[in-house]
Amino acid sequence: MPNTPLDFEKPIMELEAKIEELRTFTNEKGIDFSEEIATLENKAMKLKQDIYGNLSAWQKAQIARHMERPNALDYIDRIFDDFTVLHGDRLYSDDKAIIGGIASFNGRAVTVLGHLKGKDTKENIARNFGMPHPEGYRKALRLMKQADKFNRPVICFIDTPGAYCGLGAEERGQGIAIAENLQQMAQLKVPIISLVIGEGGSGGALALGVADHLMMLENAIYSVISPEGGATILWKDATKAQDAAEALKITAKDLERLGVVDEVLKEPLGGAHRNVDLMAVTIKEAMKNKLDQLINLNTDELLTRRYQKLRMLGDLAAQG
């Protein structure tokens, strides 16, 4: 189990603790409990399959926000070679809530961007809990334009509660920074692949989400507003976040059915934090397969397909 199990994971944690207790007793006393251990392990596996195979939208939101969930840099380190970080928006400062740079992907030069949360409280404060300021989005846009100039595909990792809504961010043009990203991403002449790895919150996520192919991890969420925010607006009660999570259709399964997401990547049982290496292999293979298809399109085909994809958003949702 992870170091900080969620409430619905506690039955699994208790069963695994019993298994570990039997193993320790076997080692210390030399008594063979292998049959009992095997029985409990089978029971634990069935319990995991039952729990993780029937997660509610709210439970998936909890996994998406898990402190031990891999962040963008965890995947970048495992998927790409020779990643070189590039800093700053050339206008104001370098926003640590967005990481970006150049890397090699299967021998091909690519530009990589991602929201970046911290691993602990200190790092989260430094990275503003993955909530970018306008300079973060302008840095991302600068690197995307650079990618366009040098014909490098763009790969984005989405993981943010949303754009930072503080006074300073608004004074420096948060809204226009996000809007410019949407406009410019729609016009880039290079392939764009985006992947929601954790939270995909509102316009802060969408600013890296205008892509030729949008993927989501199985337990990630992607929504116009957080469940807590939606509950506050709809019911004037943030404690109804679980109801809002269901109503908002924030899960990968729902969004794939509605045509918002193009592909859902299966996670290791219990979540990506249970086996980061395996999750990275799955992501790399999916990205390679799609990028191989996209780079074979000429510019007109690429832009036409992207335009049509964006125009189709909402059609399936309107049909119910």
C-alpha atoms as a PDB file:
ATOM      1  CA  MET A   1       0.000   0.000   0.000  1.00  0.00           C
ATOM      2  CA  PRO A   2       1.088   3.642  -0.425  1.00  0.00           C
ATOM      3  CA  ASN A   3       2.320   5.483   2.650  1.00  0.00           C
ATOM      4  CA  THR A   4      -0.900   7.483   2.868  1.00  0.00           C
ATOM      5  CA  PRO A   5      -3.849   5.215   1.957  1.00  0.00           C
ATOM      6  CA  LEU A   6      -7.214   6.754   1.175  1.00  0.00           C
ATOM      7  CA  ASP A   7     -10.285   5.935   3.264  1.00  0.00           C
ATOM      8  CA  PHE A   8     -11.644   3.356   0.824  1.00  0.00           C
ATOM      9  CA  GLU A   9      -8.229   1.650   0.737  1.00  0.00           C
ATOM     10  CA  LYS A  10      -8.117   0.934   4.481  1.00  0.00           C
ATOM     11  CA  PRO A  11      -9.649  -2.589   4.220  1.00  0.00           C
ATOM     12  CA  ILE A  12      -6.844  -3.480   1.804  1.00  0.00           C
ATOM     13  CA  MET A  13      -4.268  -1.962   4.130  1.00  0.00           C
ATOM     14  CA  GLU A  14      -5.558  -3.983   7.080  1.00  0.00           C
ATOM     15  CA  LEU A  15      -5.450  -7.237   5.089  1.00  0.00           C
ATOM     16  CA  GLU A  16      -1.921  -6.535   3.819  1.00  0.00           C
ATOM     17  CA  ALA A  17      -0.835  -5.762   7.392  1.00  0.00           C
ATOM     18  CA  LYS A  18      -2.049  -9.222   8.447  1.00  0.00           C
ATOM     19  CA  ILE A  19      -0.095 -10.805   5.590  1.00  0.00           C
ATOM     20  CA  GLU A  20       3.059  -8.973   6.618  1.00  0.00           C
ATOM     21  CA  GLU A  21       2.513  -9.988  10.233  1.00  0.00           C
ATOM     22  CA  LEU A  22       2.336 -13.664   9.227  1.00  0.00           C
ATOM     23  CA  ARG A  23       5.494 -13.347   7.131  1.00  0.00           C
ATOM     24  CA  THR A  24       7.354 -11.762  10.025  1.00  0.00           C
ATOM     25  CA  PHE A  25       6.145 -14.462  12.416  1.00  0.00           C
ATOM     26  CA  THR A  26       7.260 -17.142   9.943  1.00  0.00           C
ATOM     27  CA  ASN A  27      10.751 -15.674   9.701  1.00  0.00           C
ATOM     28  CA  GLU A  28      11.129 -15.218  13.457  1.00  0.00           C
ATOM     29  CA  LYS A  29       9.581 -18.492  14.684  1.00  0.00           C
ATOM     30  CA  GLY A  30      10.300 -20.756  11.729  1.00  0.00           C
ATOM     31  CA  ILE A  31       6.656 -21.866  11.519  1.00  0.00           C
ATOM     32  CA  ASP A  32       5.306 -22.440   8.020  1.00  0.00           C
ATOM     33  CA  PHE A  33       2.299 -20.190   7.314  1.00  0.00           C
ATOM     34  CA  SER A  34       2.707 -20.278   3.529  1.00  0.00           C
ATOM     35  CA  GLU A  35      -0.775 -21.720   2.966  1.00  0.00           C
ATOM     36  CA  GLU A  36      -2.436 -19.090   5.158  1.00  0.00           C
ATOM     37  CA  ILE A  37      -0.405 -16.327   3.489  1.00  0.00           C
ATOM     38  CA  ALA A  38      -1.382 -17.541   0.018  1.00  0.00           C
ATOM     39  CA  THR A  39      -5.057 -17.561   1.036  1.00  0.00           C
ATOM     40  CA  LEU A  40      -4.855 -14.012   2.379  1.00  0.00           C
ATOM     41  CA  GLU A  41      -2.963 -12.815  -0.720  1.00  0.00           C
ATOM     42  CA  ASN A  42      -5.703 -14.187  -2.957  1.00  0.00           C
ATOM     43  CA  LYS A  43      -8.295 -12.502  -0.769  1.00  0.00           C
ATOM     44  CA  ALA A  44      -6.357  -9.216  -0.917  1.00  0.00           C
ATOM     45  CA  MET A  45      -6.123  -9.371  -4.710  1.00  0.00           C
ATOM     46  CA  LYS A  46      -9.859  -9.992  -5.051  1.00  0.00           C
ATOM     47  CA  LEU A  47     -10.569  -7.128  -2.654  1.00  0.00           C
ATOM     48  CA  LYS A  48      -8.357  -4.790  -4.700  1.00  0.00           C
ATOM     49  CA  GLN A  49     -10.081  -5.796  -7.915  1.00  0.00           C
ATOM     50  CA  ASP A  50     -13.506  -5.239  -6.345  1.00  0.00           C
ATOM     51  CA  ILE A  51     -12.592  -1.842  -4.889  1.00  0.00           C
ATOM     52  CA  TYR A  52     -10.540  -0.401  -7.748  1.00  0.00           C
ATOM     53  CA  GLY A  53     -12.840  -1.827 -10.382  1.00  0.00           C
ATOM     54  CA  ASN A  54     -15.852   0.034  -8.991  1.00  0.00           C
ATOM     55  CA  LEU A  55     -14.498   3.436  -8.008  1.00  0.00           C
ATOM     56  CA  SER A  56     -16.887   6.374  -7.883  1.00  0.00           C
ATOM     57  CA  ALA A  57     -16.035   9.674  -9.570  1.00  0.00           C
ATOM     58  CA  TRP A  58     -15.165  11.154  -6.175  1.00  0.00           C
ATOM     59  CA  GLN A  59     -12.850   8.265  -5.322  1.00  0.00           C
ATOM     60  CA  LYS A  60     -11.071   8.704  -8.658  1.00  0.00           C
ATOM     61  CA  ALA A  61     -10.689  12.393  -7.857  1.00  0.00           C
ATOM     62  CA  GLN A  62      -8.993  11.405  -4.608  1.00  0.00           C
ATOM     63  CA  ILE A  63      -6.576   9.125  -6.469  1.00  0.00           C
ATOM     64  CA  ALA A  64      -5.902  11.861  -9.043  1.00  0.00           C
ATOM     65  CA  ARG A  65      -4.925  14.198  -6.190  1.00  0.00           C
ATOM     66  CA  HIS A  66      -2.936  11.634  -4.213  1.00  0.00           C
ATOM     67  CA  MET A  67       0.269  13.107  -2.749  1.00  0.00           C
ATOM     68  CA  GLU A  68       2.246  10.114  -4.026  1.00  0.00           C
ATOM     69  CA  ARG A  69       0.830  10.263  -7.549  1.00  0.00           C
ATOM     70  CA  PRO A  70       3.618  10.710 -10.131  1.00  0.00           C
ATOM     71  CA  ASN A  71       4.034  14.245 -11.422  1.00  0.00           C
ATOM     72  CA  ALA A  72       5.131  15.413 -14.863  1.00  0.00           C
ATOM     73  CA  LEU A  73       8.829  15.242 -14.050  1.00  0.00           C
ATOM     74  CA  ASP A  74       8.527  11.622 -12.898  1.00  0.00           C
ATOM     75  CA  TYR A  75       7.279  10.695 -16.352  1.00  0.00           C
ATOM     76  CA  ILE A  76       9.626  12.996 -18.270  1.00  0.00           C
ATOM     77  CA  ASP A  77      12.637  11.388 -16.587  1.00  0.00           C
ATOM     78  CA  ARG A  78      11.418   7.905 -17.565  1.00  0.00           C
ATOM     79  CA  ILE A  79      10.078   8.553 -21.060  1.00  0.00           C
ATOM     80  CA  PHE A  80      12.474  11.042 -22.669  1.00  0.00           C
ATOM     81  CA  ASP A  81      16.223  11.278 -23.151  1.00  0.00           C
ATOM     82  CA  ASP A  82      18.422  14.356 -22.782  1.00  0.00           C
ATOM     83  CA  PHE A  83      15.687  16.577 -21.353  1.00  0.00           C
ATOM     84  CA  THR A  84      16.938  20.168 -21.173  1.00  0.00           C
ATOM     85  CA  VAL A  85      14.835  22.567 -19.106  1.00  0.00           C
ATOM     86  CA  LEU A  86      14.212  26.023 -20.569  1.00  0.00           C
ATOM     87  CA  HIS A  87      13.198  28.861 -18.275  1.00  0.00           C
ATOM     88  CA  GLY A  88      11.224  32.073 -18.346  1.00  0.00           C
ATOM     89  CA  ASP A  89       8.613  33.836 -20.453  1.00  0.00           C
ATOM     90  CA  ARG A  90      10.956  36.700 -21.511  1.00  0.00           C
ATOM     91  CA  LEU A  91       8.418  39.121 -20.066  1.00  0.00           C
ATOM     92  CA  TYR A  92       8.173  38.722 -16.310  1.00  0.00           C
ATOM     93  CA  SER A  93       9.677  35.640 -14.647  1.00  0.00           C
ATOM     94  CA  ASP A  94      10.028  31.860 -14.597  1.00  0.00           C
ATOM     95  CA  ASP A  95       6.917  30.117 -13.243  1.00  0.00           C
ATOM     96  CA  LYS A  96       7.860  26.894 -11.446  1.00  0.00           C
ATOM     97  CA  ALA A  97       4.295  25.574 -11.770  1.00  0.00           C
ATOM     98  CA  ILE A  98       5.016  24.789 -15.432  1.00  0.00           C
ATOM     99  CA  ILE A  99       8.092  22.932 -16.619  1.00  0.00           C
ATOM    100  CA  GLY A 100       9.187  22.953 -20.229  1.00  0.00           C
ATOM    101  CA  GLY A 101      12.102  22.132 -22.434  1.00  0.00           C
ATOM    102  CA  ILE A 102      13.557  20.105 -25.287  1.00  0.00           C
ATOM    103  CA  ALA A 103      14.080  16.351 -25.222  1.00  0.00           C
ATOM    104  CA  SER A 104      14.647  13.324 -27.402  1.00  0.00           C
ATOM    105  CA  PHE A 105      11.786  10.860 -27.861  1.00  0.00           C
ATOM    106  CA  ASN A 106      12.751   7.676 -29.698  1.00  0.00           C
ATOM    107  CA  GLY A 107      15.488   9.619 -31.454  1.00  0.00           C
ATOM    108  CA  ARG A 108      13.215  12.521 -32.437  1.00  0.00           C
ATOM    109  CA  ALA A 109      13.553  16.039 -31.005  1.00  0.00           C
ATOM    110  CA  VAL A 110      10.370  17.142 -29.195  1.00  0.00           C
ATOM    111  CA  THR A 111       9.245  19.977 -26.970  1.00  0.00           C
ATOM    112  CA  VAL A 112       7.868  18.805 -23.625  1.00  0.00           C
ATOM    113  CA  LEU A 113       5.624  20.876 -21.350  1.00  0.00           C
ATOM    114  CA  GLY A 114       3.779  20.096 -18.163  1.00  0.00           C
ATOM    115  CA  HIS A 115       2.129  21.416 -15.048  1.00  0.00           C
ATOM    116  CA  LEU A 116       4.307  20.468 -12.103  1.00  0.00           C
ATOM    117  CA  LYS A 117       3.118  19.794  -8.561  1.00  0.00           C
ATOM    118  CA  GLY A 118       5.488  19.252  -5.655  1.00  0.00           C
ATOM    119  CA  LYS A 119       6.207  16.078  -3.701  1.00  0.00           C
ATOM    120  CA  ASP A 120       5.854  17.693  -0.273  1.00  0.00           C
ATOM    121  CA  THR A 121       4.536  20.883   1.291  1.00  0.00           C
ATOM    122  CA  LYS A 122       7.755  22.842   0.784  1.00  0.00           C
ATOM    123  CA  GLU A 123       7.999  21.951  -2.899  1.00  0.00           C
ATOM    124  CA  ASN A 124       4.279  22.498  -3.427  1.00  0.00           C
ATOM    125  CA  ILE A 125       4.603  26.015  -2.035  1.00  0.00           C
ATOM    126  CA  ALA A 126       7.527  26.672  -4.387  1.00  0.00           C
ATOM    127  CA  ARG A 127       5.471  25.384  -7.333  1.00  0.00           C
ATOM    128  CA  ASN A 128       2.250  27.028  -6.126  1.00  0.00           C
ATOM    129  CA  PHE A 129       0.599  23.583  -5.909  1.00  0.00           C
ATOM    130  CA  GLY A 130       0.766  23.261  -9.687  1.00  0.00           C
ATOM    131  CA  MET A 131      -1.354  26.388 -10.296  1.00  0.00           C
ATOM    132  CA  PRO A 132       0.389  28.537 -12.937  1.00  0.00           C
ATOM    133  CA  HIS A 133       0.536  32.319 -13.128  1.00  0.00           C
ATOM    134  CA  PRO A 134       0.258  34.091 -16.519  1.00  0.00           C
ATOM    135  CA  GLU A 135       4.034  33.906 -16.955  1.00  0.00           C
ATOM    136  CA  GLY A 136       3.797  30.113 -16.788  1.00  0.00           C
ATOM    137  CA  TYR A 137       1.405  30.002 -19.712  1.00  0.00           C
ATOM    138  CA  ARG A 138       3.470  32.573 -21.605  1.00  0.00           C
ATOM    139  CA  LYS A 139       6.555  30.433 -21.055  1.00  0.00           C
ATOM    140  CA  ALA A 140       4.648  27.451 -22.445  1.00  0.00           C
ATOM    141  CA  LEU A 141       3.521  29.507 -25.438  1.00  0.00           C
ATOM    142  CA  ARG A 142       7.071  30.719 -26.081  1.00  0.00           C
ATOM    143  CA  LEU A 143       8.323  27.137 -26.168  1.00  0.00           C
ATOM    144  CA  MET A 144       5.448  26.004 -28.394  1.00  0.00           C
ATOM    145  CA  LYS A 145       6.228  28.739 -30.905  1.00  0.00           C
ATOM    146  CA  GLN A 146       9.859  27.688 -30.783  1.00  0.00           C
ATOM    147  CA  ALA A 147       8.781  24.097 -31.459  1.00  0.00           C
ATOM    148  CA  ASP A 148       6.743  25.291 -34.439  1.00  0.00           C
ATOM    149  CA  LYS A 149       9.750  27.169 -35.831  1.00  0.00           C
ATOM    150  CA  PHE A 150      12.033  24.153 -35.602  1.00  0.00           C
ATOM    151  CA  ASN A 151       9.406  21.546 -36.534  1.00  0.00           C
ATOM    152  CA  ARG A 152       9.407  19.739 -33.188  1.00  0.00           C
ATOM    153  CA  PRO A 153       6.241  17.894 -32.019  1.00  0.00           C
ATOM    154  CA  VAL A 154       4.799  19.159 -28.731  1.00  0.00           C
ATOM    155  CA  ILE A 155       3.943  16.832 -25.856  1.00  0.00           C
ATOM    156  CA  CYS A 156       2.069  18.187 -22.821  1.00  0.00           C
ATOM    157  CA  PHE A 157       1.405  16.711 -19.369  1.00  0.00           C
ATOM    158  CA  ILE A 158      -1.687  18.163 -17.695  1.00  0.00           C
ATOM    159  CA  ASP A 159      -1.939  18.146 -13.911  1.00  0.00           C
ATOM    160  CA  THR A 160      -3.318  21.251 -12.206  1.00  0.00           C
ATOM    161  CA  PRO A 161      -6.224  22.199  -9.933  1.00  0.00           C
ATOM    162  CA  GLY A 162      -6.536  25.235 -12.210  1.00  0.00           C
ATOM    163  CA  ALA A 163      -4.827  28.502 -13.082  1.00  0.00           C
ATOM    164  CA  TYR A 164      -3.901  30.627 -10.071  1.00  0.00           C
ATOM    165  CA  CYS A 165      -6.624  33.200  -9.447  1.00  0.00           C
ATOM    166  CA  GLY A 166      -4.782  35.585  -7.123  1.00  0.00           C
ATOM    167  CA  LEU A 167      -4.733  39.340  -7.533  1.00  0.00           C
ATOM    168  CA  GLY A 168      -1.241  39.428  -9.033  1.00  0.00           C
ATOM    169  CA  ALA A 169      -2.144  36.812 -11.636  1.00  0.00           C
ATOM    170  CA  GLU A 170      -5.217  38.769 -12.666  1.00  0.00           C
ATOM    171  CA  GLU A 171      -3.244  42.014 -12.823  1.00  0.00           C
ATOM    172  CA  ARG A 172      -0.727  40.394 -15.156  1.00  0.00           C
ATOM    173  CA  GLY A 173      -3.416  39.078 -17.516  1.00  0.00           C
ATOM    174  CA  GLN A 174      -4.277  35.518 -16.537  1.00  0.00           C
ATOM    175  CA  GLY A 175      -7.314  35.360 -18.799  1.00  0.00           C
ATOM    176  CA  ILE A 176      -5.600  36.636 -21.933  1.00  0.00           C
ATOM    177  CA  ALA A 177      -2.575  34.408 -21.316  1.00  0.00           C
ATOM    178  CA  ILE A 178      -4.799  31.322 -21.343  1.00  0.00           C
ATOM    179  CA  ALA A 179      -6.812  32.593 -24.323  1.00  0.00           C
ATOM    180  CA  GLU A 180      -3.654  33.180 -26.348  1.00  0.00           C
ATOM    181  CA  ASN A 181      -2.509  29.631 -25.652  1.00  0.00           C
ATOM    182  CA  LEU A 182      -5.814  28.242 -26.910  1.00  0.00           C
ATOM    183  CA  GLN A 183      -5.635  30.329 -30.067  1.00  0.00           C
ATOM    184  CA  GLN A 184      -1.996  29.620 -30.833  1.00  0.00           C
ATOM    185  CA  MET A 185      -2.158  25.885 -30.081  1.00  0.00           C
ATOM    186  CA  ALA A 186      -4.998  25.573 -32.564  1.00  0.00           C
ATOM    187  CA  GLN A 187      -2.688  27.010 -35.238  1.00  0.00           C
ATOM    188  CA  LEU A 188       0.611  25.211 -34.555  1.00  0.00           C
ATOM    189  CA  LYS A 189       1.870  23.365 -37.637  1.00  0.00           C
ATOM    190  CA  VAL A 190       3.393  20.522 -35.616  1.00  0.00           C
ATOM    191  CA  PRO A 191       1.686  17.538 -33.949  1.00  0.00           C
ATOM    192  CA  ILE A 192       0.449  18.094 -30.394  1.00  0.00           C
ATOM    193  CA  ILE A 193      -0.235  15.285 -27.916  1.00  0.00           C
ATOM    194  CA  SER A 194      -1.600  16.084 -24.466  1.00  0.00           C
ATOM    195  CA  LEU A 195      -2.041  13.711 -21.539  1.00  0.00           C
ATOM    196  CA  VAL A 196      -4.007  14.334 -18.334  1.00  0.00           C
ATOM    197  CA  ILE A 197      -1.978  12.565 -15.637  1.00  0.00           C
ATOM    198  CA  GLY A 198      -3.768  13.818 -12.524  1.00  0.00           C
ATOM    199  CA  GLU A 199      -6.111  16.776 -12.209  1.00  0.00           C
ATOM    200  CA  GLY A 200      -7.231  18.657 -15.288  1.00  0.00           C
ATOM    201  CA  GLY A 201      -8.824  21.728 -13.788  1.00  0.00           C
ATOM    202  CA  SER A 202     -10.691  24.323 -15.868  1.00  0.00           C
ATOM    203  CA  GLY A 203      -8.933  26.759 -18.227  1.00  0.00           C
ATOM    204  CA  GLY A 204      -5.682  26.186 -16.387  1.00  0.00           C
ATOM    205  CA  ALA A 205      -5.638  22.675 -17.827  1.00  0.00           C
ATOM    206  CA  LEU A 206      -7.153  23.580 -21.185  1.00  0.00           C
ATOM    207  CA  ALA A 207      -4.256  25.979 -21.834  1.00  0.00           C
ATOM    208  CA  LEU A 208      -2.107  22.892 -22.485  1.00  0.00           C
ATOM    209  CA  GLY A 209      -4.954  20.754 -23.786  1.00  0.00           C
ATOM    210  CA  VAL A 210      -5.668  21.922 -27.345  1.00  0.00           C
ATOM    211  CA  ALA A 211      -4.175  18.873 -29.020  1.00  0.00           C
ATOM    212  CA  ASP A 212      -4.402  16.589 -32.019  1.00  0.00           C
ATOM    213  CA  HIS A 213      -4.702  13.688 -29.596  1.00  0.00           C
ATOM    214  CA  LEU A 214      -5.849  14.042 -25.986  1.00  0.00           C
ATOM    215  CA  MET A 215      -5.206  11.137 -23.626  1.00  0.00           C
ATOM    216  CA  MET A 216      -6.114  10.571 -19.981  1.00  0.00           C
ATOM    217  CA  LEU A 217      -4.878   8.155 -17.387  1.00  0.00           C
ATOM    218  CA  GLU A 218      -7.589   5.858 -16.076  1.00  0.00           C
ATOM    219  CA  ASN A 219      -7.876   7.549 -12.670  1.00  0.00           C
ATOM    220  CA  ALA A 220      -7.261  11.133 -13.790  1.00  0.00           C
ATOM    221  CA  ILE A 221     -10.003  13.766 -13.823  1.00  0.00           C
ATOM    222  CA  TYR A 222     -10.715  16.605 -16.264  1.00  0.00           C
ATOM    223  CA  SER A 223     -13.399  19.176 -15.589  1.00  0.00           C
ATOM    224  CA  VAL A 224     -14.589  22.735 -15.996  1.00  0.00           C
ATOM    225  CA  ILE A 225     -14.518  23.197 -12.213  1.00  0.00           C
ATOM    226  CA  SER A 226     -13.491  21.202  -9.151  1.00  0.00           C
ATOM    227  CA  PRO A 227     -16.160  19.037  -7.489  1.00  0.00           C
ATOM    228  CA  GLU A 228     -15.944  21.280  -4.414  1.00  0.00           C
ATOM    229  CA  GLY A 229     -16.389  24.410  -6.532  1.00  0.00           C
ATOM    230  CA  GLY A 230     -19.280  22.878  -8.449  1.00  0.00           C
ATOM    231  CA  ALA A 231     -20.992  21.853  -5.205  1.00  0.00           C
ATOM    232  CA  THR A 232     -20.613  25.366  -3.824  1.00  0.00           C
ATOM    233  CA  ILE A 233     -22.275  26.852  -6.913  1.00  0.00           C
ATOM    234  CA  LEU A 234     -25.012  24.248  -7.399  1.00  0.00           C
ATOM    235  CA  TRP A 235     -25.934  23.473  -3.793  1.00  0.00           C
ATOM    236  CA  LYS A 236     -24.214  26.264  -1.837  1.00  0.00           C
ATOM    237  CA  ASP A 237     -22.554  23.436   0.063  1.00  0.00           C
ATOM    238  CA  ALA A 238     -18.990  22.239  -0.591  1.00  0.00           C
ATOM    239  CA  THR A 239     -19.658  19.037   1.367  1.00  0.00           C
ATOM    240  CA  LYS A 240     -21.735  17.821  -1.592  1.00  0.00           C
ATOM    241  CA  ALA A 241     -18.543  17.454  -3.645  1.00  0.00           C
ATOM    242  CA  GLN A 242     -19.222  13.725  -4.137  1.00  0.00           C
ATOM    243  CA  ASP A 243     -22.568  14.506  -5.802  1.00  0.00           C
ATOM    244  CA  ALA A 244     -20.960  17.192  -7.937  1.00  0.00           C
ATOM    245  CA  ALA A 245     -18.207  14.812  -9.052  1.00  0.00           C
ATOM    246  CA  GLU A 246     -20.828  12.422 -10.427  1.00  0.00           C
ATOM    247  CA  ALA A 247     -22.846  15.195 -12.077  1.00  0.00           C
ATOM    248  CA  LEU A 248     -19.849  16.857 -13.729  1.00  0.00           C
ATOM    249  CA  LYS A 249     -18.746  13.681 -15.597  1.00  0.00           C
ATOM    250  CA  ILE A 250     -15.099  14.248 -14.727  1.00  0.00           C
ATOM    251  CA  THR A 251     -13.742  10.712 -15.156  1.00  0.00           C
ATOM    252  CA  ALA A 252     -11.750   9.411 -18.105  1.00  0.00           C
ATOM    253  CA  LYS A 253     -14.450   6.845 -18.887  1.00  0.00           C
ATOM    254  CA  ASP A 254     -17.185   9.494 -19.029  1.00  0.00           C
ATOM    255  CA  LEU A 255     -15.112  11.909 -21.092  1.00  0.00           C
ATOM    256  CA  GLU A 256     -14.099   9.242 -23.594  1.00  0.00           C
ATOM    257  CA  ARG A 257     -17.770   8.326 -24.025  1.00  0.00           C
ATOM    258  CA  LEU A 258     -18.619  12.006 -24.586  1.00  0.00           C
ATOM    259  CA  GLY A 259     -15.887  12.403 -27.193  1.00  0.00           C
ATOM    260  CA  VAL A 260     -13.830  14.893 -25.193  1.00  0.00           C
ATOM    261  CA  VAL A 261     -10.926  12.484 -24.680  1.00  0.00           C
ATOM    262  CA  ASP A 262      -9.474  10.394 -27.489  1.00  0.00           C
ATOM    263  CA  GLU A 263      -7.774   7.632 -25.504  1.00  0.00           C
ATOM    264  CA  VAL A 264      -7.742   6.314 -21.930  1.00  0.00           C
ATOM    265  CA  LEU A 265      -4.599   4.614 -20.612  1.00  0.00           C
ATOM    266  CA  LYS A 266      -5.045   1.848 -18.061  1.00  0.00           C
ATOM    267  CA  GLU A 267      -3.207   2.337 -14.757  1.00  0.00           C
ATOM    268  CA  PRO A 268      -1.592  -0.306 -12.545  1.00  0.00           C
ATOM    269  CA  LEU A 269      -4.081  -1.737 -10.046  1.00  0.00           C
ATOM    270  CA  GLY A 270      -4.562   0.882  -7.346  1.00  0.00           C
ATOM    271  CA  GLY A 271      -3.259   3.817  -9.340  1.00  0.00           C
ATOM    272  CA  ALA A 272      -0.180   5.067 -11.171  1.00  0.00           C
ATOM    273  CA  HIS A 273       1.671   5.634  -7.882  1.00  0.00           C
ATOM    274  CA  ARG A 274       1.697   1.863  -7.295  1.00  0.00           C
ATOM    275  CA  ASN A 275       4.060   1.272 -10.232  1.00  0.00           C
ATOM    276  CA  VAL A 276       5.456   4.420 -11.840  1.00  0.00           C
ATOM    277  CA  ASP A 277       7.823   2.522 -14.123  1.00  0.00           C
ATOM    278  CA  LEU A 278       5.021   0.405 -15.589  1.00  0.00           C
ATOM    279  CA  MET A 279       2.828   3.475 -16.053  1.00  0.00           C
ATOM    280  CA  ALA A 280       5.655   5.264 -17.867  1.00  0.00           C
ATOM    281  CA  VAL A 281       6.084   2.302 -20.247  1.00  0.00           C
ATOM    282  CA  THR A 282       2.357   2.392 -21.051  1.00  0.00           C
ATOM    283  CA  ILE A 283       2.447   6.141 -21.694  1.00  0.00           C
ATOM    284  CA  LYS A 284       5.567   5.952 -23.848  1.00  0.00           C
ATOM    285  CA  GLU A 285       4.115   3.226 -26.044  1.00  0.00           C
ATOM    286  CA  ALA A 286       0.819   5.081 -26.515  1.00  0.00           C
ATOM    287  CA  MET A 287       2.598   8.343 -27.361  1.00  0.00           C
ATOM    288  CA  LYS A 288       4.933   6.626 -29.809  1.00  0.00           C
ATOM    289  CA  ASN A 289       2.051   4.956 -31.637  1.00  0.00           C
ATOM    290  CA  LYS A 290       0.110   8.197 -31.992  1.00  0.00           C
ATOM    291  CA  LEU A 291       3.089  10.378 -32.854  1.00  0.00           C
ATOM    292  CA  ASP A 292       4.101   7.959 -35.609  1.00  0.00           C
ATOM    293  CA  GLN A 293       0.658   8.510 -37.138  1.00  0.00           C
ATOM    294  CA  LEU A 294       0.578  12.286 -36.732  1.00  0.00           C
ATOM    295  CA  ILE A 295       4.007  13.031 -38.197  1.00  0.00           C
ATOM    296  CA  ASN A 296       2.958  11.368 -41.446  1.00  0.00           C
ATOM    297  CA  LEU A 297       0.253  13.980 -42.000  1.00  0.00           C
ATOM    298  CA  ASN A 298       1.074  17.047 -44.058  1.00  0.00           C
ATOM    299  CA  THR A 299       0.421  20.462 -42.525  1.00  0.00           C
ATOM    300  CA  ASP A 300      -2.960  20.996 -44.187  1.00  0.00           C
ATOM    301  CA  GLU A 301      -4.209  17.578 -43.078  1.00  0.00           C
ATOM    302  CA  LEU A 302      -2.975  18.136 -39.534  1.00  0.00           C
ATOM    303  CA  LEU A 303      -4.624  21.537 -39.151  1.00  0.00           C
ATOM    304  CA  THR A 304      -7.862  20.415 -40.810  1.00  0.00           C
ATOM    305  CA  ARG A 305      -8.161  17.381 -38.544  1.00  0.00           C
ATOM    306  CA  ARG A 306      -7.432  19.492 -35.467  1.00  0.00           C
ATOM    307  CA  TYR A 307     -10.044  22.059 -36.489  1.00  0.00           C
ATOM    308  CA  GLN A 308     -12.664  19.403 -37.111  1.00  0.00           C
ATOM    309  CA  LYS A 309     -11.858  17.714 -33.813  1.00  0.00           C
ATOM    310  CA  LEU A 310     -12.373  20.963 -31.914  1.00  0.00           C
ATOM    311  CA  ARG A 311     -15.593  21.719 -33.789  1.00  0.00           C
ATOM    312  CA  MET A 312     -16.980  18.294 -32.875  1.00  0.00           C
ATOM    313  CA  LEU A 313     -16.567  18.857 -29.140  1.00  0.00           C
ATOM    314  CA  GLY A 314     -19.961  18.903 -27.501  1.00  0.00           C
ATOM    315  CA  ASP A 315     -21.802  17.013 -30.257  1.00  0.00           C
ATOM    316  CA  LEU A 316     -21.789  13.680 -28.426  1.00  0.00           C
ATOM    317  CA  ALA A 317     -22.567  15.396 -25.131  1.00  0.00           C
ATOM    318  CA  ALA A 318     -25.566  17.130 -26.726  1.00  0.00           C
ATOM    319  CA  GLN A 319     -26.799  13.763 -27.945  1.00  0.00           C
ATOM    320  CA  GLY A 320     -26.777  12.483 -24.366  1.00  0.00           C
END
